[in-house]
């Protein structure tokens, strides 16, 4: 929700734009930001998503020049209910997870916001509903996207394909 101060000093709240729900299929899922919209914050909604093998979920931003797949500083970590932990990092996109098996089914929310001047940060949490219950936490930055954001891509760190679930975004 966007807070706006009007000319009289009163605060009003804007409603974020919602994209169309997309099934998690193929090796990546793209959301296009409508022409003329310059997002300040994009919220990724993940529901029941899984991969065909052990890849990690990754988000990449895109500009008019294409998908940005370098320059990220991102880390994802996990903690299992049984006590195990792990961590992974990426320079190819924002990590959303830190460990995986093909049995994982992720759900949660990730927020990606601009600091201005094409600089972006991300942070979020996903839960796993598989029998090895776990939580995944992530954060990262992209220091120069190279232009206005026009696309958000959800992909993975391997050649896996999505085999269940849905994605959506809110943008404002």
N, C-alpha and C. Protein backbone atom coordinates (compact mmCIF):
# COMPACT_ATOMS: atom_id res chain seq x y z
N UNK A 1 0.84 -1.16 0.00
CA UNK A 1 0.00 0.00 0.00
C UNK A 1 0.90 1.24 0.00
N UNK A 2 0.53 2.23 -0.77
CA UNK A 2 1.32 3.44 -0.90
C UNK A 2 0.67 4.56 -0.09
N UNK A 3 1.48 5.23 0.72
CA UNK A 3 0.99 6.35 1.51
C UNK A 3 1.34 7.63 0.76
N UNK A 4 0.34 8.51 0.55
CA UNK A 4 0.53 9.73 -0.20
C UNK A 4 0.07 10.91 0.65
N UNK A 5 0.90 11.94 0.72
CA UNK A 5 0.56 13.16 1.44
C UNK A 5 -0.01 14.14 0.43
N UNK A 6 -1.29 14.55 0.61
CA UNK A 6 -1.88 15.47 -0.34
C UNK A 6 -1.54 16.92 0.01
N UNK A 7 -2.05 17.87 -0.77
CA UNK A 7 -1.74 19.28 -0.59
C UNK A 7 -2.18 19.85 0.74
N UNK A 8 -3.14 19.22 1.39
CA UNK A 8 -3.63 19.68 2.69
C UNK A 8 -2.93 19.00 3.85
N UNK A 9 -1.93 18.18 3.58
CA UNK A 9 -1.22 17.47 4.63
C UNK A 9 -1.94 16.22 5.10
N UNK A 10 -2.95 15.77 4.36
CA UNK A 10 -3.68 14.56 4.72
C UNK A 10 -3.05 13.35 4.03
N UNK A 11 -3.09 12.24 4.70
CA UNK A 11 -2.51 11.01 4.18
C UNK A 11 -3.60 10.18 3.52
N UNK A 12 -3.33 9.70 2.31
CA UNK A 12 -4.23 8.74 1.66
C UNK A 12 -3.41 7.53 1.27
N UNK A 13 -4.08 6.43 1.10
CA UNK A 13 -3.39 5.18 0.79
C UNK A 13 -3.81 4.70 -0.59
N UNK A 14 -2.83 4.41 -1.43
CA UNK A 14 -3.10 3.85 -2.74
C UNK A 14 -3.13 2.34 -2.67
N UNK A 15 -3.81 1.72 -3.59
CA UNK A 15 -3.90 0.27 -3.65
C UNK A 15 -2.88 -0.23 -4.66
N UNK A 16 -2.06 -1.23 -4.29
CA UNK A 16 -1.09 -1.75 -5.25
C UNK A 16 -1.79 -2.40 -6.43
N UNK A 17 -1.13 -2.37 -7.56
CA UNK A 17 -1.63 -3.05 -8.76
C UNK A 17 -1.35 -4.53 -8.64
N UNK A 18 -2.28 -5.34 -9.09
CA UNK A 18 -2.12 -6.79 -9.06
C UNK A 18 -2.03 -7.30 -10.48
N UNK A 19 -1.02 -8.12 -10.75
CA UNK A 19 -0.89 -8.75 -12.05
C UNK A 19 -1.85 -9.94 -12.12
N UNK A 20 -1.82 -10.65 -13.22
CA UNK A 20 -2.64 -11.85 -13.38
C UNK A 20 -1.89 -13.06 -12.86
N UNK A 21 -2.56 -13.87 -12.06
CA UNK A 21 -1.98 -15.10 -11.52
C UNK A 21 -1.41 -15.95 -12.65
N UNK A 22 -0.20 -16.51 -12.42
CA UNK A 22 0.43 -17.37 -13.42
C UNK A 22 0.80 -18.70 -12.80
N UNK A 23 0.54 -19.76 -13.54
CA UNK A 23 0.94 -21.10 -13.11
C UNK A 23 2.44 -21.23 -13.20
N UNK A 24 3.01 -21.93 -12.25
CA UNK A 24 4.46 -22.19 -12.24
C UNK A 24 4.73 -23.37 -13.17
N UNK A 25 5.04 -23.05 -14.43
CA UNK A 25 5.35 -24.07 -15.43
C UNK A 25 6.56 -23.63 -16.23
N UNK A 26 7.20 -24.58 -16.88
CA UNK A 26 8.38 -24.26 -17.68
C UNK A 26 9.59 -24.00 -16.80
N UNK A 27 10.64 -23.43 -17.40
CA UNK A 27 11.87 -23.18 -16.65
C UNK A 27 11.91 -21.78 -16.05
N UNK A 28 10.99 -20.89 -16.48
CA UNK A 28 10.90 -19.55 -15.90
C UNK A 28 9.50 -19.00 -16.11
N UNK A 29 9.14 -18.05 -15.26
CA UNK A 29 7.85 -17.37 -15.35
C UNK A 29 8.14 -15.88 -15.33
N UNK A 30 7.64 -15.15 -16.33
CA UNK A 30 7.88 -13.71 -16.44
C UNK A 30 6.61 -12.92 -16.17
N UNK A 31 6.76 -11.81 -15.45
CA UNK A 31 5.71 -10.82 -15.28
C UNK A 31 6.19 -9.54 -15.93
N UNK A 32 5.35 -8.92 -16.74
CA UNK A 32 5.69 -7.66 -17.40
C UNK A 32 5.01 -6.51 -16.67
N UNK A 33 5.78 -5.49 -16.34
CA UNK A 33 5.23 -4.28 -15.74
C UNK A 33 4.68 -3.44 -16.90
N UNK A 34 3.44 -2.97 -16.80
CA UNK A 34 2.85 -2.22 -17.92
C UNK A 34 3.67 -0.98 -18.29
N UNK A 35 3.66 -0.65 -19.57
CA UNK A 35 4.36 0.54 -20.07
C UNK A 35 3.85 1.77 -19.31
N UNK A 36 4.75 2.66 -18.99
CA UNK A 36 4.40 3.89 -18.29
C UNK A 36 4.40 3.76 -16.77
N UNK A 37 4.56 2.53 -16.25
CA UNK A 37 4.61 2.32 -14.81
C UNK A 37 6.07 2.18 -14.38
N UNK A 38 6.48 2.95 -13.41
CA UNK A 38 7.82 2.83 -12.85
C UNK A 38 7.67 2.32 -11.42
N UNK A 39 7.83 1.01 -11.22
CA UNK A 39 7.57 0.47 -9.89
C UNK A 39 8.63 0.89 -8.87
N UNK A 40 8.17 1.13 -7.64
CA UNK A 40 9.07 1.40 -6.53
C UNK A 40 9.22 0.16 -5.65
N UNK A 41 8.16 -0.68 -5.71
CA UNK A 41 8.17 -1.91 -4.92
C UNK A 41 7.40 -2.97 -5.69
N UNK A 42 7.96 -4.19 -5.70
CA UNK A 42 7.30 -5.34 -6.31
C UNK A 42 7.25 -6.42 -5.24
N UNK A 43 6.07 -6.94 -5.00
CA UNK A 43 5.89 -8.01 -4.03
C UNK A 43 5.57 -9.29 -4.79
N UNK A 44 6.41 -10.30 -4.62
CA UNK A 44 6.22 -11.59 -5.27
C UNK A 44 5.47 -12.51 -4.32
N UNK A 45 4.38 -13.10 -4.80
CA UNK A 45 3.57 -14.03 -4.03
C UNK A 45 3.81 -15.43 -4.58
N UNK A 46 4.18 -16.36 -3.73
CA UNK A 46 4.54 -17.73 -4.11
C UNK A 46 3.57 -18.67 -3.41
N UNK A 47 2.89 -19.54 -4.18
CA UNK A 47 1.91 -20.44 -3.58
C UNK A 47 2.06 -21.86 -4.11
N UNK A 48 2.54 -22.76 -3.26
CA UNK A 48 2.61 -24.18 -3.60
C UNK A 48 3.54 -24.50 -4.76
N UNK A 49 4.63 -23.75 -4.90
CA UNK A 49 5.54 -23.90 -6.04
C UNK A 49 6.58 -24.98 -5.76
N UNK A 50 6.82 -25.82 -6.75
CA UNK A 50 7.91 -26.80 -6.64
C UNK A 50 8.63 -26.92 -7.97
N UNK A 51 9.84 -27.49 -7.89
CA UNK A 51 10.68 -27.72 -9.06
C UNK A 51 10.84 -29.21 -9.30
N UNK A 52 11.22 -29.57 -10.51
CA UNK A 52 11.37 -30.96 -10.89
C UNK A 52 12.57 -31.65 -10.26
N UNK A 53 13.54 -30.86 -9.76
CA UNK A 53 14.72 -31.45 -9.13
C UNK A 53 15.19 -30.55 -8.01
N UNK A 54 16.49 -30.35 -7.86
CA UNK A 54 17.04 -29.69 -6.66
C UNK A 54 17.53 -28.26 -6.87
N UNK A 55 17.08 -27.58 -7.91
CA UNK A 55 17.48 -26.19 -8.13
C UNK A 55 16.94 -25.27 -7.05
N UNK A 56 17.48 -24.07 -6.98
CA UNK A 56 17.07 -23.04 -6.03
C UNK A 56 16.24 -22.00 -6.78
N UNK A 57 15.21 -21.45 -6.13
CA UNK A 57 14.42 -20.39 -6.73
C UNK A 57 15.25 -19.11 -6.82
N UNK A 58 15.11 -18.42 -7.94
CA UNK A 58 15.88 -17.22 -8.23
C UNK A 58 14.98 -16.20 -8.91
N UNK A 59 15.09 -14.92 -8.53
CA UNK A 59 14.34 -13.85 -9.18
C UNK A 59 15.33 -12.92 -9.87
N UNK A 60 15.00 -12.57 -11.12
CA UNK A 60 15.82 -11.63 -11.89
C UNK A 60 14.93 -10.48 -12.35
N UNK A 61 15.48 -9.29 -12.35
CA UNK A 61 14.78 -8.11 -12.85
C UNK A 61 15.15 -7.87 -14.30
N UNK A 62 14.25 -7.25 -15.03
CA UNK A 62 14.53 -6.95 -16.43
C UNK A 62 14.24 -5.50 -16.75
N UNK A 63 14.97 -4.98 -17.73
CA UNK A 63 14.80 -3.61 -18.21
C UNK A 63 14.52 -3.68 -19.71
N UNK A 64 14.40 -2.54 -20.35
CA UNK A 64 14.22 -2.52 -21.80
C UNK A 64 15.37 -3.22 -22.51
N UNK A 65 16.53 -3.30 -21.88
CA UNK A 65 17.70 -3.96 -22.45
C UNK A 65 17.71 -5.47 -22.27
N UNK A 66 16.75 -6.02 -21.51
CA UNK A 66 16.68 -7.46 -21.29
C UNK A 66 16.77 -7.82 -19.81
N UNK A 67 16.82 -9.11 -19.54
CA UNK A 67 16.90 -9.61 -18.17
C UNK A 67 18.30 -9.38 -17.61
N UNK A 68 18.38 -8.82 -16.42
CA UNK A 68 19.66 -8.59 -15.75
C UNK A 68 20.03 -9.88 -15.02
N UNK A 69 21.13 -10.52 -15.46
CA UNK A 69 21.52 -11.80 -14.85
C UNK A 69 22.93 -11.77 -14.24
N UNK A 70 23.42 -10.57 -13.95
CA UNK A 70 24.70 -10.41 -13.26
C UNK A 70 24.59 -9.22 -12.31
N UNK A 71 25.52 -9.14 -11.35
CA UNK A 71 25.61 -7.98 -10.48
C UNK A 71 24.82 -8.05 -9.19
N UNK A 72 24.12 -9.13 -8.96
CA UNK A 72 23.38 -9.29 -7.71
C UNK A 72 24.33 -9.73 -6.59
N UNK A 73 24.01 -9.35 -5.38
CA UNK A 73 24.66 -9.88 -4.19
C UNK A 73 23.52 -10.40 -3.34
N UNK A 74 23.34 -11.71 -3.34
CA UNK A 74 22.15 -12.29 -2.76
C UNK A 74 22.45 -13.58 -2.01
N UNK A 75 21.74 -13.78 -0.91
CA UNK A 75 21.93 -14.98 -0.09
C UNK A 75 20.57 -15.52 0.34
N UNK A 76 20.46 -16.84 0.33
CA UNK A 76 19.28 -17.52 0.84
C UNK A 76 19.71 -18.57 1.84
N UNK A 77 18.98 -18.70 2.91
CA UNK A 77 19.32 -19.69 3.92
C UNK A 77 18.08 -20.46 4.34
N UNK A 78 18.29 -21.60 4.97
CA UNK A 78 17.16 -22.40 5.42
C UNK A 78 17.44 -23.02 6.78
N UNK A 79 16.35 -23.37 7.44
CA UNK A 79 16.42 -24.06 8.72
C UNK A 79 15.32 -25.13 8.72
N UNK A 80 15.72 -26.37 8.94
CA UNK A 80 14.77 -27.48 9.00
C UNK A 80 14.23 -27.64 10.41
N UNK A 81 13.01 -28.15 10.51
CA UNK A 81 12.42 -28.44 11.82
C UNK A 81 13.27 -29.45 12.58
N UNK A 82 13.93 -30.34 11.84
CA UNK A 82 14.76 -31.37 12.48
C UNK A 82 16.13 -30.84 12.91
N UNK A 83 16.41 -29.56 12.62
CA UNK A 83 17.65 -28.96 13.11
C UNK A 83 18.70 -28.65 12.08
N UNK A 84 18.55 -29.06 10.84
CA UNK A 84 19.55 -28.77 9.82
C UNK A 84 19.46 -27.34 9.31
N UNK A 85 20.58 -26.80 8.86
CA UNK A 85 20.61 -25.45 8.29
C UNK A 85 21.49 -25.46 7.05
N UNK A 86 21.37 -24.43 6.26
CA UNK A 86 22.22 -24.29 5.07
C UNK A 86 22.07 -22.91 4.47
N UNK A 87 22.95 -22.61 3.53
CA UNK A 87 22.96 -21.29 2.92
C UNK A 87 23.48 -21.40 1.49
N UNK A 88 23.01 -20.51 0.63
CA UNK A 88 23.52 -20.43 -0.73
C UNK A 88 23.56 -18.96 -1.13
N UNK A 89 24.32 -18.64 -2.16
CA UNK A 89 24.39 -17.26 -2.62
C UNK A 89 24.38 -17.23 -4.14
N UNK A 90 24.09 -16.05 -4.70
CA UNK A 90 24.06 -15.91 -6.15
C UNK A 90 24.40 -14.50 -6.56
N UNK A 91 25.07 -14.39 -7.70
CA UNK A 91 25.29 -13.10 -8.35
C UNK A 91 24.43 -12.99 -9.61
N UNK A 92 23.65 -14.06 -9.92
CA UNK A 92 22.82 -14.10 -11.13
C UNK A 92 21.38 -13.67 -10.88
N UNK A 93 21.00 -13.46 -9.62
CA UNK A 93 19.64 -13.06 -9.28
C UNK A 93 19.45 -13.07 -7.78
N UNK A 94 18.24 -12.69 -7.35
CA UNK A 94 17.92 -12.73 -5.93
C UNK A 94 17.58 -14.17 -5.56
N UNK A 95 18.38 -14.77 -4.66
CA UNK A 95 18.09 -16.12 -4.15
C UNK A 95 16.82 -16.05 -3.31
N UNK A 96 15.97 -17.05 -3.45
CA UNK A 96 14.80 -17.13 -2.59
C UNK A 96 14.88 -18.29 -1.63
N UNK A 97 15.72 -19.27 -1.94
CA UNK A 97 15.83 -20.48 -1.12
C UNK A 97 17.30 -20.81 -0.89
N UNK A 98 17.56 -21.67 0.06
CA UNK A 98 18.93 -22.02 0.38
C UNK A 98 19.22 -23.50 0.30
N UNK A 99 18.26 -24.29 -0.01
CA UNK A 99 18.43 -25.73 -0.13
C UNK A 99 17.20 -26.31 -0.77
N UNK A 100 17.30 -27.46 -1.38
CA UNK A 100 16.15 -27.96 -2.09
C UNK A 100 16.22 -29.46 -2.33
N UNK A 101 15.06 -30.06 -2.39
CA UNK A 101 14.88 -31.38 -2.98
C UNK A 101 13.65 -31.26 -3.87
N UNK A 102 13.45 -32.20 -4.73
CA UNK A 102 12.29 -32.12 -5.63
C UNK A 102 10.97 -32.25 -4.87
N UNK A 103 11.03 -32.65 -3.60
CA UNK A 103 9.80 -32.80 -2.80
C UNK A 103 9.35 -31.48 -2.17
N UNK A 104 10.14 -30.43 -2.26
CA UNK A 104 9.78 -29.17 -1.61
C UNK A 104 8.63 -28.49 -2.33
N UNK A 105 7.76 -27.87 -1.55
CA UNK A 105 6.66 -27.06 -2.05
C UNK A 105 6.70 -25.75 -1.28
N UNK A 106 7.08 -24.66 -1.96
CA UNK A 106 7.30 -23.38 -1.30
C UNK A 106 6.07 -22.48 -1.39
N UNK A 107 5.85 -21.72 -0.32
CA UNK A 107 4.83 -20.67 -0.30
C UNK A 107 5.34 -19.53 0.56
N UNK A 108 5.02 -18.30 0.17
CA UNK A 108 5.44 -17.16 0.96
C UNK A 108 5.46 -15.88 0.15
N UNK A 109 6.13 -14.86 0.70
CA UNK A 109 6.16 -13.52 0.12
C UNK A 109 7.58 -13.00 0.09
N UNK A 110 7.95 -12.37 -1.03
CA UNK A 110 9.25 -11.72 -1.19
C UNK A 110 9.01 -10.30 -1.67
N UNK A 111 9.65 -9.34 -1.03
CA UNK A 111 9.52 -7.93 -1.42
C UNK A 111 10.82 -7.46 -2.07
N UNK A 112 10.67 -6.78 -3.20
CA UNK A 112 11.79 -6.20 -3.93
C UNK A 112 11.49 -4.72 -4.08
N UNK A 113 12.38 -3.87 -3.58
CA UNK A 113 12.10 -2.43 -3.56
C UNK A 113 13.32 -1.64 -4.03
N UNK A 114 13.06 -0.46 -4.58
CA UNK A 114 14.15 0.38 -5.07
C UNK A 114 14.61 1.37 -4.01
N UNK A 115 15.91 1.60 -4.03
CA UNK A 115 16.49 2.66 -3.21
C UNK A 115 16.60 3.95 -4.03
N UNK A 116 16.24 3.86 -5.31
CA UNK A 116 16.41 4.95 -6.27
C UNK A 116 17.63 4.68 -7.14
N UNK A 117 17.75 5.41 -8.22
CA UNK A 117 18.91 5.30 -9.13
C UNK A 117 19.18 3.87 -9.59
N UNK A 118 18.11 3.11 -9.88
CA UNK A 118 18.24 1.73 -10.39
C UNK A 118 18.86 0.76 -9.39
N UNK A 119 18.88 1.11 -8.13
CA UNK A 119 19.39 0.22 -7.07
C UNK A 119 18.21 -0.45 -6.38
N UNK A 120 18.30 -1.78 -6.22
CA UNK A 120 17.20 -2.58 -5.70
C UNK A 120 17.66 -3.48 -4.57
N UNK A 121 16.77 -3.74 -3.62
CA UNK A 121 17.03 -4.69 -2.54
C UNK A 121 15.86 -5.67 -2.47
N UNK A 122 16.12 -6.85 -1.92
CA UNK A 122 15.07 -7.85 -1.77
C UNK A 122 15.15 -8.48 -0.39
N UNK A 123 14.03 -9.01 0.05
CA UNK A 123 13.98 -9.76 1.29
C UNK A 123 12.67 -10.51 1.38
N UNK A 124 12.72 -11.71 1.92
CA UNK A 124 11.48 -12.46 2.03
C UNK A 124 11.64 -13.76 2.78
N UNK A 125 10.51 -14.42 2.95
CA UNK A 125 10.47 -15.71 3.64
C UNK A 125 9.52 -16.64 2.91
N UNK A 126 9.96 -17.87 2.77
CA UNK A 126 9.13 -18.92 2.18
C UNK A 126 9.10 -20.09 3.15
N UNK A 127 7.98 -20.76 3.23
CA UNK A 127 7.87 -21.98 4.01
C UNK A 127 7.78 -23.17 3.09
N UNK A 128 8.15 -24.33 3.60
CA UNK A 128 8.10 -25.58 2.85
C UNK A 128 7.09 -26.49 3.53
N UNK A 129 6.14 -26.98 2.76
CA UNK A 129 5.10 -27.82 3.36
C UNK A 129 5.40 -29.31 3.25
N UNK A 130 6.59 -29.66 2.79
CA UNK A 130 6.96 -31.08 2.68
C UNK A 130 7.13 -31.68 4.08
N UNK A 131 7.32 -32.98 4.13
CA UNK A 131 7.43 -33.65 5.43
C UNK A 131 8.63 -33.18 6.24
N UNK A 132 9.65 -32.62 5.58
CA UNK A 132 10.79 -32.04 6.29
C UNK A 132 10.56 -30.54 6.42
N UNK A 133 9.56 -30.15 7.19
CA UNK A 133 9.16 -28.76 7.32
C UNK A 133 10.37 -27.85 7.54
N UNK A 134 10.40 -26.75 6.80
CA UNK A 134 11.53 -25.83 6.90
C UNK A 134 11.08 -24.44 6.51
N UNK A 135 11.92 -23.47 6.86
CA UNK A 135 11.68 -22.09 6.49
C UNK A 135 12.91 -21.58 5.75
N UNK A 136 12.67 -20.76 4.72
CA UNK A 136 13.73 -20.21 3.89
C UNK A 136 13.66 -18.69 4.00
N UNK A 137 14.79 -18.06 4.25
CA UNK A 137 14.86 -16.61 4.37
C UNK A 137 15.90 -16.11 3.39
N UNK A 138 15.64 -14.94 2.79
CA UNK A 138 16.56 -14.45 1.76
C UNK A 138 16.67 -12.94 1.80
N UNK A 139 17.76 -12.45 1.25
CA UNK A 139 17.97 -11.02 1.11
C UNK A 139 19.04 -10.75 0.08
N UNK A 140 19.01 -9.56 -0.50
CA UNK A 140 20.04 -9.25 -1.49
C UNK A 140 19.92 -7.84 -2.02
N UNK A 141 20.84 -7.53 -2.94
CA UNK A 141 20.85 -6.22 -3.57
C UNK A 141 21.30 -6.33 -5.02
N UNK A 142 20.85 -5.38 -5.81
CA UNK A 142 21.32 -5.19 -7.19
C UNK A 142 21.67 -3.72 -7.30
N UNK A 143 22.96 -3.42 -7.45
CA UNK A 143 23.42 -2.03 -7.38
C UNK A 143 23.09 -1.20 -8.60
N UNK A 144 22.94 -1.80 -9.78
CA UNK A 144 22.60 -1.02 -10.96
C UNK A 144 21.86 -1.90 -11.94
N UNK A 145 20.54 -1.73 -11.98
CA UNK A 145 19.71 -2.53 -12.90
C UNK A 145 19.89 -2.08 -14.33
N UNK A 146 20.44 -0.90 -14.56
CA UNK A 146 20.69 -0.43 -15.92
C UNK A 146 19.51 0.26 -16.58
N UNK A 147 18.46 0.52 -15.83
CA UNK A 147 17.29 1.21 -16.38
C UNK A 147 16.05 0.88 -15.59
N UNK A 148 14.93 1.43 -16.04
CA UNK A 148 13.66 1.20 -15.37
C UNK A 148 13.27 -0.28 -15.46
N UNK A 149 12.68 -0.81 -14.42
CA UNK A 149 12.28 -2.22 -14.38
C UNK A 149 11.01 -2.42 -15.20
N UNK A 150 11.07 -3.36 -16.14
CA UNK A 150 9.93 -3.69 -17.00
C UNK A 150 9.47 -5.13 -16.83
N UNK A 151 10.32 -5.97 -16.22
CA UNK A 151 10.03 -7.40 -16.11
C UNK A 151 10.54 -7.94 -14.79
N UNK A 152 9.81 -8.90 -14.25
CA UNK A 152 10.28 -9.70 -13.12
C UNK A 152 10.22 -11.15 -13.58
N UNK A 153 11.35 -11.86 -13.50
CA UNK A 153 11.43 -13.26 -13.91
C UNK A 153 11.71 -14.14 -12.70
N UNK A 154 10.95 -15.21 -12.56
CA UNK A 154 11.22 -16.22 -11.55
C UNK A 154 11.77 -17.43 -12.29
N UNK A 155 12.95 -17.87 -11.88
CA UNK A 155 13.62 -18.98 -12.54
C UNK A 155 14.29 -19.83 -11.46
N UNK A 156 15.33 -20.56 -11.83
CA UNK A 156 16.04 -21.36 -10.83
C UNK A 156 17.50 -21.48 -11.21
N UNK A 157 18.28 -22.02 -10.30
CA UNK A 157 19.73 -22.08 -10.47
C UNK A 157 20.18 -23.28 -11.27
N UNK A 158 19.25 -24.06 -11.80
CA UNK A 158 19.58 -25.27 -12.54
C UNK A 158 18.81 -25.27 -13.86
N UNK A 159 18.67 -26.42 -14.44
CA UNK A 159 17.86 -26.56 -15.65
C UNK A 159 16.50 -27.17 -15.31
N UNK A 160 16.11 -27.08 -14.04
CA UNK A 160 14.84 -27.64 -13.58
C UNK A 160 13.66 -26.91 -14.22
N UNK A 161 12.50 -27.55 -14.15
CA UNK A 161 11.26 -26.91 -14.57
C UNK A 161 10.31 -26.87 -13.37
N UNK A 162 9.42 -25.91 -13.39
CA UNK A 162 8.39 -25.83 -12.36
C UNK A 162 7.38 -26.92 -12.61
N UNK A 163 6.94 -27.60 -11.55
CA UNK A 163 5.96 -28.67 -11.74
C UNK A 163 4.73 -28.54 -10.86
N UNK A 164 4.58 -27.42 -10.16
CA UNK A 164 3.37 -27.18 -9.37
C UNK A 164 3.36 -25.74 -8.88
N UNK A 165 2.17 -25.25 -8.56
CA UNK A 165 2.03 -23.97 -7.88
C UNK A 165 1.72 -22.79 -8.78
N UNK A 166 1.67 -21.62 -8.14
CA UNK A 166 1.33 -20.37 -8.81
C UNK A 166 2.19 -19.22 -8.28
N UNK A 167 2.33 -18.20 -9.13
CA UNK A 167 2.99 -16.95 -8.77
C UNK A 167 2.04 -15.80 -9.09
N UNK A 168 2.21 -14.71 -8.36
CA UNK A 168 1.60 -13.44 -8.74
C UNK A 168 2.48 -12.34 -8.19
N UNK A 169 2.28 -11.12 -8.68
CA UNK A 169 3.01 -9.97 -8.15
C UNK A 169 2.03 -8.84 -7.87
N UNK A 170 2.41 -8.02 -6.91
CA UNK A 170 1.80 -6.73 -6.67
C UNK A 170 2.88 -5.71 -6.99
N UNK A 171 2.53 -4.63 -7.64
CA UNK A 171 3.54 -3.60 -7.93
C UNK A 171 2.95 -2.23 -7.67
N UNK A 172 3.81 -1.36 -7.20
CA UNK A 172 3.38 0.00 -6.89
C UNK A 172 4.54 0.96 -7.07
